Amino acid sequence: MAFAAPEARADFRVCNSTQNLIGVAIGYRAKSGWVTEGWWQINGSSCKTLIEGPLASRYYYVYAEDSEGGGRWDGKVNMCVAENEFKINGVNDCFARGFQRSGFQEYDTGEQSSWMVQLTDDAPASNATVTGTNHQ
């Protein structure tokens, strides 16, 4: 009897290592230009797939907020977000278009087909660390 090896997953996942519920947004460059999407709600000690299938871009951008403790995982790349579920084309003139602007953390996936970001609360909530790992 032969056993098949588990199929390798290709996707962009975010894991929440905190005990709190967090909201996550992602940004990326599509054929049509820059896109931001959100919010994925990720319970404490769990993961969610934000992009299914092999990654089409090298760079992805993540912004997250702790819905209970008020902490943020952010970066220096400004992109548009909305208060409720959203998919926004373009990253310019966020306020003029009725959106908010947040700083996203850049991840260079090195053109890998999948990537995982681990959100932790090892640092104070406002400076929580974000680390990326690559799964081949």
N, C-alpha and C. Protein backbone atom coordinates (compact mmCIF):
# COMPACT_ATOMS: atom_id res chain seq x y z
N MET A 1 0.85 -1.18 0.00
CA MET A 1 0.00 0.00 0.00
C MET A 1 0.90 1.24 0.00
N ALA A 2 0.66 2.15 -0.90
CA ALA A 2 1.46 3.37 -1.01
C ALA A 2 0.77 4.52 -0.29
N PHE A 3 1.57 5.36 0.31
CA PHE A 3 1.05 6.54 0.98
C PHE A 3 1.53 7.77 0.22
N ALA A 4 0.62 8.66 -0.11
CA ALA A 4 0.98 9.89 -0.82
C ALA A 4 1.49 10.91 0.19
N ALA A 5 2.51 11.65 -0.20
CA ALA A 5 3.01 12.73 0.65
C ALA A 5 1.97 13.84 0.68
N PRO A 6 1.84 14.53 1.81
CA PRO A 6 0.88 15.64 1.86
C PRO A 6 1.24 16.68 0.80
N GLU A 7 0.22 17.23 0.18
CA GLU A 7 0.43 18.24 -0.86
C GLU A 7 0.99 19.51 -0.25
N ALA A 8 2.02 20.07 -0.86
CA ALA A 8 2.61 21.31 -0.37
C ALA A 8 1.63 22.45 -0.59
N ARG A 9 1.48 23.27 0.43
CA ARG A 9 0.58 24.41 0.33
C ARG A 9 1.32 25.59 -0.26
N ALA A 10 0.63 26.34 -1.06
CA ALA A 10 1.19 27.57 -1.60
C ALA A 10 0.19 28.68 -1.29
N ASP A 11 0.57 29.57 -0.39
CA ASP A 11 -0.34 30.64 0.01
C ASP A 11 0.40 31.65 0.87
N PHE A 12 -0.32 32.71 1.26
CA PHE A 12 0.20 33.72 2.20
C PHE A 12 -0.67 33.62 3.43
N ARG A 13 -0.05 33.21 4.54
CA ARG A 13 -0.78 33.01 5.80
C ARG A 13 -0.29 33.98 6.86
N VAL A 14 -1.20 34.34 7.77
CA VAL A 14 -0.84 35.13 8.93
C VAL A 14 -1.29 34.34 10.16
N CYS A 15 -0.37 34.18 11.11
CA CYS A 15 -0.68 33.48 12.36
C CYS A 15 -0.64 34.46 13.52
N ASN A 16 -1.62 34.34 14.39
CA ASN A 16 -1.78 35.20 15.55
C ASN A 16 -1.33 34.42 16.79
N SER A 17 -0.16 34.76 17.31
CA SER A 17 0.36 34.08 18.50
C SER A 17 -0.08 34.75 19.80
N THR A 18 -0.89 35.79 19.70
CA THR A 18 -1.38 36.46 20.91
C THR A 18 -2.64 35.74 21.39
N GLN A 19 -3.17 36.19 22.50
CA GLN A 19 -4.42 35.62 23.02
C GLN A 19 -5.63 36.43 22.57
N ASN A 20 -5.39 37.57 21.90
CA ASN A 20 -6.48 38.46 21.50
C ASN A 20 -6.86 38.31 20.04
N LEU A 21 -8.07 38.72 19.72
CA LEU A 21 -8.54 38.78 18.34
C LEU A 21 -7.83 39.92 17.64
N ILE A 22 -7.33 39.68 16.43
CA ILE A 22 -6.71 40.75 15.66
C ILE A 22 -7.37 40.87 14.30
N GLY A 23 -7.32 42.08 13.74
CA GLY A 23 -7.79 42.34 12.38
C GLY A 23 -6.57 42.57 11.50
N VAL A 24 -6.54 41.93 10.32
CA VAL A 24 -5.38 41.99 9.44
C VAL A 24 -5.79 42.48 8.06
N ALA A 25 -4.93 43.36 7.48
CA ALA A 25 -5.10 43.82 6.11
C ALA A 25 -3.82 43.49 5.35
N ILE A 26 -3.96 43.28 4.05
CA ILE A 26 -2.80 42.96 3.21
C ILE A 26 -2.79 43.88 1.99
N GLY A 27 -1.62 44.22 1.53
CA GLY A 27 -1.45 45.01 0.33
C GLY A 27 -0.52 44.29 -0.63
N TYR A 28 -0.73 44.49 -1.92
CA TYR A 28 0.11 43.84 -2.93
C TYR A 28 -0.07 44.54 -4.26
N ARG A 29 0.85 44.27 -5.17
CA ARG A 29 0.76 44.84 -6.52
C ARG A 29 0.14 43.79 -7.43
N ALA A 30 -1.00 44.13 -8.03
CA ALA A 30 -1.69 43.26 -8.99
C ALA A 30 -1.43 43.81 -10.40
N LYS A 31 -1.89 43.10 -11.40
CA LYS A 31 -1.72 43.57 -12.79
C LYS A 31 -2.36 44.93 -12.98
N SER A 32 -3.46 45.19 -12.28
CA SER A 32 -4.17 46.45 -12.41
C SER A 32 -3.58 47.57 -11.56
N GLY A 33 -2.59 47.26 -10.72
CA GLY A 33 -1.98 48.27 -9.84
C GLY A 33 -2.04 47.82 -8.39
N TRP A 34 -1.82 48.76 -7.48
CA TRP A 34 -1.81 48.44 -6.05
C TRP A 34 -3.20 48.12 -5.53
N VAL A 35 -3.27 47.12 -4.64
CA VAL A 35 -4.53 46.70 -4.04
C VAL A 35 -4.30 46.48 -2.54
N THR A 36 -5.25 46.92 -1.72
CA THR A 36 -5.26 46.55 -0.30
C THR A 36 -6.59 45.88 -0.01
N GLU A 37 -6.54 44.88 0.87
CA GLU A 37 -7.74 44.12 1.25
C GLU A 37 -7.74 43.89 2.75
N GLY A 38 -8.92 43.84 3.34
CA GLY A 38 -9.06 43.54 4.76
C GLY A 38 -10.54 43.45 5.11
N TRP A 39 -10.90 43.21 6.19
CA TRP A 39 -10.18 42.77 7.35
C TRP A 39 -10.40 41.28 7.55
N TRP A 40 -9.32 40.56 7.78
CA TRP A 40 -9.44 39.18 8.22
C TRP A 40 -9.38 39.21 9.73
N GLN A 41 -10.34 38.56 10.38
CA GLN A 41 -10.36 38.46 11.84
C GLN A 41 -9.68 37.13 12.21
N ILE A 42 -8.60 37.23 12.99
CA ILE A 42 -7.85 36.03 13.36
C ILE A 42 -7.87 35.90 14.88
N ASN A 43 -8.48 34.83 15.36
CA ASN A 43 -8.54 34.58 16.80
C ASN A 43 -7.15 34.29 17.35
N GLY A 44 -7.01 34.45 18.67
CA GLY A 44 -5.75 34.15 19.32
C GLY A 44 -5.32 32.71 19.06
N SER A 45 -4.03 32.50 18.93
CA SER A 45 -3.43 31.18 18.72
C SER A 45 -4.00 30.45 17.51
N SER A 46 -4.22 31.18 16.42
CA SER A 46 -4.71 30.55 15.19
C SER A 46 -4.14 31.27 13.97
N CYS A 47 -4.36 30.69 12.78
CA CYS A 47 -3.84 31.23 11.53
C CYS A 47 -4.97 31.36 10.52
N LYS A 48 -4.77 32.25 9.56
CA LYS A 48 -5.70 32.40 8.43
C LYS A 48 -4.89 32.57 7.16
N THR A 49 -5.44 32.04 6.07
CA THR A 49 -4.84 32.23 4.75
C THR A 49 -5.44 33.48 4.14
N LEU A 50 -4.59 34.46 3.77
CA LEU A 50 -5.06 35.70 3.17
C LEU A 50 -5.06 35.61 1.65
N ILE A 51 -4.10 34.88 1.10
CA ILE A 51 -4.03 34.67 -0.35
C ILE A 51 -3.84 33.18 -0.58
N GLU A 52 -4.76 32.58 -1.33
CA GLU A 52 -4.66 31.15 -1.62
C GLU A 52 -3.96 30.91 -2.94
N GLY A 53 -3.15 29.89 -2.99
CA GLY A 53 -2.45 29.53 -4.22
C GLY A 53 -1.07 30.16 -4.25
N PRO A 54 -0.27 29.82 -5.25
CA PRO A 54 1.08 30.34 -5.37
C PRO A 54 1.08 31.87 -5.43
N LEU A 55 2.03 32.48 -4.75
CA LEU A 55 2.10 33.93 -4.70
C LEU A 55 2.53 34.49 -6.05
N ALA A 56 1.84 35.55 -6.48
CA ALA A 56 2.10 36.15 -7.79
C ALA A 56 3.05 37.33 -7.71
N SER A 57 3.28 37.86 -6.50
CA SER A 57 4.17 39.01 -6.33
C SER A 57 5.32 38.63 -5.41
N ARG A 58 6.37 39.41 -5.47
CA ARG A 58 7.50 39.19 -4.57
C ARG A 58 7.28 39.90 -3.24
N TYR A 59 6.68 41.09 -3.29
CA TYR A 59 6.49 41.89 -2.08
C TYR A 59 5.03 41.91 -1.67
N TYR A 60 4.81 41.71 -0.37
CA TYR A 60 3.48 41.81 0.22
C TYR A 60 3.60 42.70 1.44
N TYR A 61 2.49 43.33 1.82
CA TYR A 61 2.49 44.32 2.89
C TYR A 61 1.37 43.98 3.86
N VAL A 62 1.68 44.00 5.17
CA VAL A 62 0.72 43.60 6.19
C VAL A 62 0.58 44.70 7.23
N TYR A 63 -0.68 44.92 7.62
CA TYR A 63 -1.01 45.81 8.73
C TYR A 63 -2.01 45.06 9.60
N ALA A 64 -1.82 45.12 10.92
CA ALA A 64 -2.75 44.42 11.82
C ALA A 64 -3.00 45.25 13.06
N GLU A 65 -4.20 45.06 13.63
CA GLU A 65 -4.59 45.74 14.86
C GLU A 65 -5.14 44.73 15.84
N ASP A 66 -4.77 44.88 17.10
CA ASP A 66 -5.31 44.08 18.18
C ASP A 66 -6.65 44.70 18.57
N SER A 67 -7.74 43.98 18.36
CA SER A 67 -9.06 44.57 18.60
C SER A 67 -9.38 44.72 20.08
N GLU A 68 -8.60 44.07 20.95
CA GLU A 68 -8.87 44.16 22.38
C GLU A 68 -7.86 45.04 23.11
N GLY A 69 -6.58 44.90 22.79
CA GLY A 69 -5.54 45.63 23.52
C GLY A 69 -5.09 46.90 22.85
N GLY A 70 -5.53 47.13 21.61
CA GLY A 70 -5.18 48.36 20.92
C GLY A 70 -3.80 48.38 20.29
N GLY A 71 -3.06 47.28 20.35
CA GLY A 71 -1.74 47.23 19.75
C GLY A 71 -1.82 47.19 18.23
N ARG A 72 -0.68 47.52 17.58
CA ARG A 72 -0.64 47.52 16.11
C ARG A 72 0.65 46.86 15.64
N TRP A 73 0.56 46.20 14.51
CA TRP A 73 1.73 45.69 13.79
C TRP A 73 1.73 46.47 12.49
N ASP A 74 2.68 47.41 12.38
CA ASP A 74 2.66 48.29 11.22
C ASP A 74 4.07 48.51 10.69
N GLY A 75 4.16 49.32 9.65
CA GLY A 75 5.45 49.59 9.02
C GLY A 75 5.44 50.96 8.39
N LYS A 76 6.35 51.16 7.44
CA LYS A 76 6.56 52.48 6.86
C LYS A 76 5.93 52.69 5.50
N VAL A 77 5.25 51.68 4.96
CA VAL A 77 4.67 51.80 3.62
C VAL A 77 3.19 52.17 3.77
N ASN A 78 2.83 53.40 3.40
CA ASN A 78 1.45 53.87 3.56
C ASN A 78 0.54 53.33 2.46
N MET A 79 -0.59 52.76 2.91
CA MET A 79 -1.62 52.24 2.00
C MET A 79 -2.98 52.56 2.60
N CYS A 80 -4.01 52.42 1.78
CA CYS A 80 -5.37 52.75 2.20
C CYS A 80 -6.05 51.57 2.89
N VAL A 81 -6.85 51.89 3.91
CA VAL A 81 -7.70 50.91 4.58
C VAL A 81 -9.07 51.56 4.81
N ALA A 82 -10.04 50.73 5.11
CA ALA A 82 -11.38 51.22 5.45
C ALA A 82 -11.77 50.64 6.80
N GLU A 83 -12.82 51.20 7.37
CA GLU A 83 -13.23 50.75 8.70
C GLU A 83 -13.82 49.34 8.66
N ASN A 84 -14.58 49.04 7.63
CA ASN A 84 -15.19 47.72 7.49
C ASN A 84 -14.50 46.94 6.38
N GLU A 85 -15.00 45.77 6.06
CA GLU A 85 -14.40 44.93 5.02
C GLU A 85 -14.17 45.74 3.75
N PHE A 86 -13.01 45.55 3.11
CA PHE A 86 -12.68 46.38 1.95
C PHE A 86 -11.77 45.67 0.97
N LYS A 87 -11.81 46.16 -0.26
CA LYS A 87 -10.82 45.87 -1.30
C LYS A 87 -10.67 47.18 -2.06
N ILE A 88 -9.50 47.80 -1.93
CA ILE A 88 -9.27 49.14 -2.45
C ILE A 88 -8.19 49.09 -3.53
N ASN A 89 -8.49 49.67 -4.68
CA ASN A 89 -7.50 49.80 -5.74
C ASN A 89 -6.80 51.14 -5.59
N GLY A 90 -5.48 51.12 -5.58
CA GLY A 90 -4.69 52.33 -5.46
C GLY A 90 -4.31 52.64 -4.03
N VAL A 91 -3.16 53.32 -3.87
CA VAL A 91 -2.67 53.66 -2.53
C VAL A 91 -2.51 55.17 -2.34
N ASN A 92 -2.89 55.95 -3.33
CA ASN A 92 -2.77 57.41 -3.23
C ASN A 92 -4.10 58.04 -2.85
N ASP A 93 -4.01 59.24 -2.28
CA ASP A 93 -5.19 60.04 -1.95
C ASP A 93 -6.21 59.28 -1.11
N CYS A 94 -5.73 58.53 -0.12
CA CYS A 94 -6.63 57.72 0.71
C CYS A 94 -7.74 58.58 1.33
N PHE A 95 -7.37 59.68 2.00
CA PHE A 95 -8.36 60.51 2.69
C PHE A 95 -9.35 61.13 1.70
N ALA A 96 -8.85 61.63 0.58
CA ALA A 96 -9.72 62.26 -0.42
C ALA A 96 -10.72 61.28 -0.99
N ARG A 97 -10.38 60.00 -0.99
CA ARG A 97 -11.29 58.97 -1.52
C ARG A 97 -12.15 58.34 -0.43
N GLY A 98 -12.09 58.89 0.78
CA GLY A 98 -12.96 58.41 1.86
C GLY A 98 -12.39 57.25 2.66
N PHE A 99 -11.10 57.01 2.55
CA PHE A 99 -10.47 55.90 3.28
C PHE A 99 -9.52 56.47 4.34
N GLN A 100 -8.99 55.57 5.16
CA GLN A 100 -7.95 55.94 6.11
C GLN A 100 -6.62 55.47 5.54
N ARG A 101 -5.53 55.95 6.12
CA ARG A 101 -4.21 55.53 5.68
C ARG A 101 -3.49 54.89 6.86
N SER A 102 -2.86 53.75 6.60
CA SER A 102 -2.09 53.06 7.64
C SER A 102 -0.75 52.64 7.08
N GLY A 103 0.22 52.49 7.98
CA GLY A 103 1.55 52.06 7.58
C GLY A 103 1.66 50.55 7.60
N PHE A 104 1.98 49.97 6.46
CA PHE A 104 2.09 48.52 6.32
C PHE A 104 3.56 48.09 6.39
N GLN A 105 3.79 46.91 6.93
CA GLN A 105 5.13 46.32 6.97
C GLN A 105 5.38 45.54 5.68
N GLU A 106 6.53 45.77 5.05
CA GLU A 106 6.86 45.08 3.80
C GLU A 106 7.50 43.73 4.07
N TYR A 107 7.10 42.73 3.28
CA TYR A 107 7.70 41.40 3.32
C TYR A 107 8.21 41.05 1.94
N ASP A 108 9.49 40.77 1.86
CA ASP A 108 10.11 40.32 0.62
C ASP A 108 10.08 38.80 0.66
N THR A 109 9.21 38.20 -0.13
CA THR A 109 9.05 36.74 -0.11
C THR A 109 10.11 36.04 -0.93
N GLY A 110 10.98 36.81 -1.58
CA GLY A 110 12.03 36.20 -2.38
C GLY A 110 11.48 35.36 -3.51
N GLU A 111 10.26 35.69 -3.94
CA GLU A 111 9.57 34.95 -5.01
C GLU A 111 9.28 33.50 -4.65
N GLN A 112 9.17 33.23 -3.34
CA GLN A 112 8.73 31.90 -2.91
C GLN A 112 7.25 31.74 -3.24
N SER A 113 6.79 30.51 -3.32
CA SER A 113 5.39 30.29 -3.66
C SER A 113 4.47 30.41 -2.46
N SER A 114 5.03 30.39 -1.24
CA SER A 114 4.20 30.58 -0.06
C SER A 114 5.01 31.29 1.02
N TRP A 115 4.28 31.89 1.98
CA TRP A 115 4.91 32.70 3.02
C TRP A 115 4.01 32.73 4.23
N MET A 116 4.61 32.81 5.44
CA MET A 116 3.82 32.92 6.66
C MET A 116 4.37 34.04 7.52
N VAL A 117 3.50 34.86 8.05
CA VAL A 117 3.86 35.93 8.98
C VAL A 117 3.32 35.55 10.34
N GLN A 118 4.16 35.66 11.36
CA GLN A 118 3.78 35.33 12.73
C GLN A 118 3.66 36.62 13.53
N LEU A 119 2.48 36.93 14.04
CA LEU A 119 2.25 38.12 14.86
C LEU A 119 2.36 37.71 16.32
N THR A 120 3.25 38.36 17.06
CA THR A 120 3.47 38.01 18.46
C THR A 120 3.30 39.24 19.33
N ASP A 121 3.18 39.00 20.63
CA ASP A 121 3.10 40.13 21.56
C ASP A 121 4.29 40.12 22.51
N ASP A 122 5.44 39.70 22.02
CA ASP A 122 6.65 39.66 22.84
C ASP A 122 7.10 41.05 23.26
N ALA A 123 6.80 42.04 22.44
CA ALA A 123 7.17 43.42 22.75
C ALA A 123 5.93 44.14 23.28
N PRO A 124 6.08 45.37 23.80
CA PRO A 124 4.89 46.12 24.20
C PRO A 124 3.90 46.20 23.04
N ALA A 125 2.63 46.26 23.36
CA ALA A 125 1.58 46.18 22.33
C ALA A 125 1.80 47.15 21.17
N SER A 126 2.25 48.36 21.46
CA SER A 126 2.40 49.32 20.37
C SER A 126 3.63 49.03 19.51
N ASN A 127 4.53 48.17 19.97
CA ASN A 127 5.73 47.84 19.22
C ASN A 127 5.84 46.33 19.00
N ALA A 128 4.73 45.66 18.89
CA ALA A 128 4.75 44.21 18.75
C ALA A 128 5.58 43.80 17.54
N THR A 129 6.23 42.67 17.65
CA THR A 129 7.12 42.23 16.58
C THR A 129 6.38 41.42 15.53
N VAL A 130 6.87 41.50 14.34
CA VAL A 130 6.33 40.72 13.23
C VAL A 130 7.50 40.03 12.57
N THR A 131 7.41 38.74 12.40
CA THR A 131 8.48 38.01 11.73
C THR A 131 7.90 37.18 10.60
N GLY A 132 8.63 37.08 9.54
CA GLY A 132 8.20 36.28 8.41
C GLY A 132 9.00 35.01 8.32
N THR A 133 8.36 33.94 7.94
CA THR A 133 9.07 32.70 7.68
C THR A 133 8.64 32.18 6.33
N ASN A 134 9.49 31.42 5.74
CA ASN A 134 9.26 30.97 4.39
C ASN A 134 9.08 29.47 4.41
N HIS A 135 8.07 29.00 3.77
CA HIS A 135 7.80 27.55 3.66
C HIS A 135 7.95 27.16 2.21
N GLN A 136 8.87 26.25 1.95
CA GLN A 136 9.07 25.82 0.57
C GLN A 136 8.42 24.49 0.35
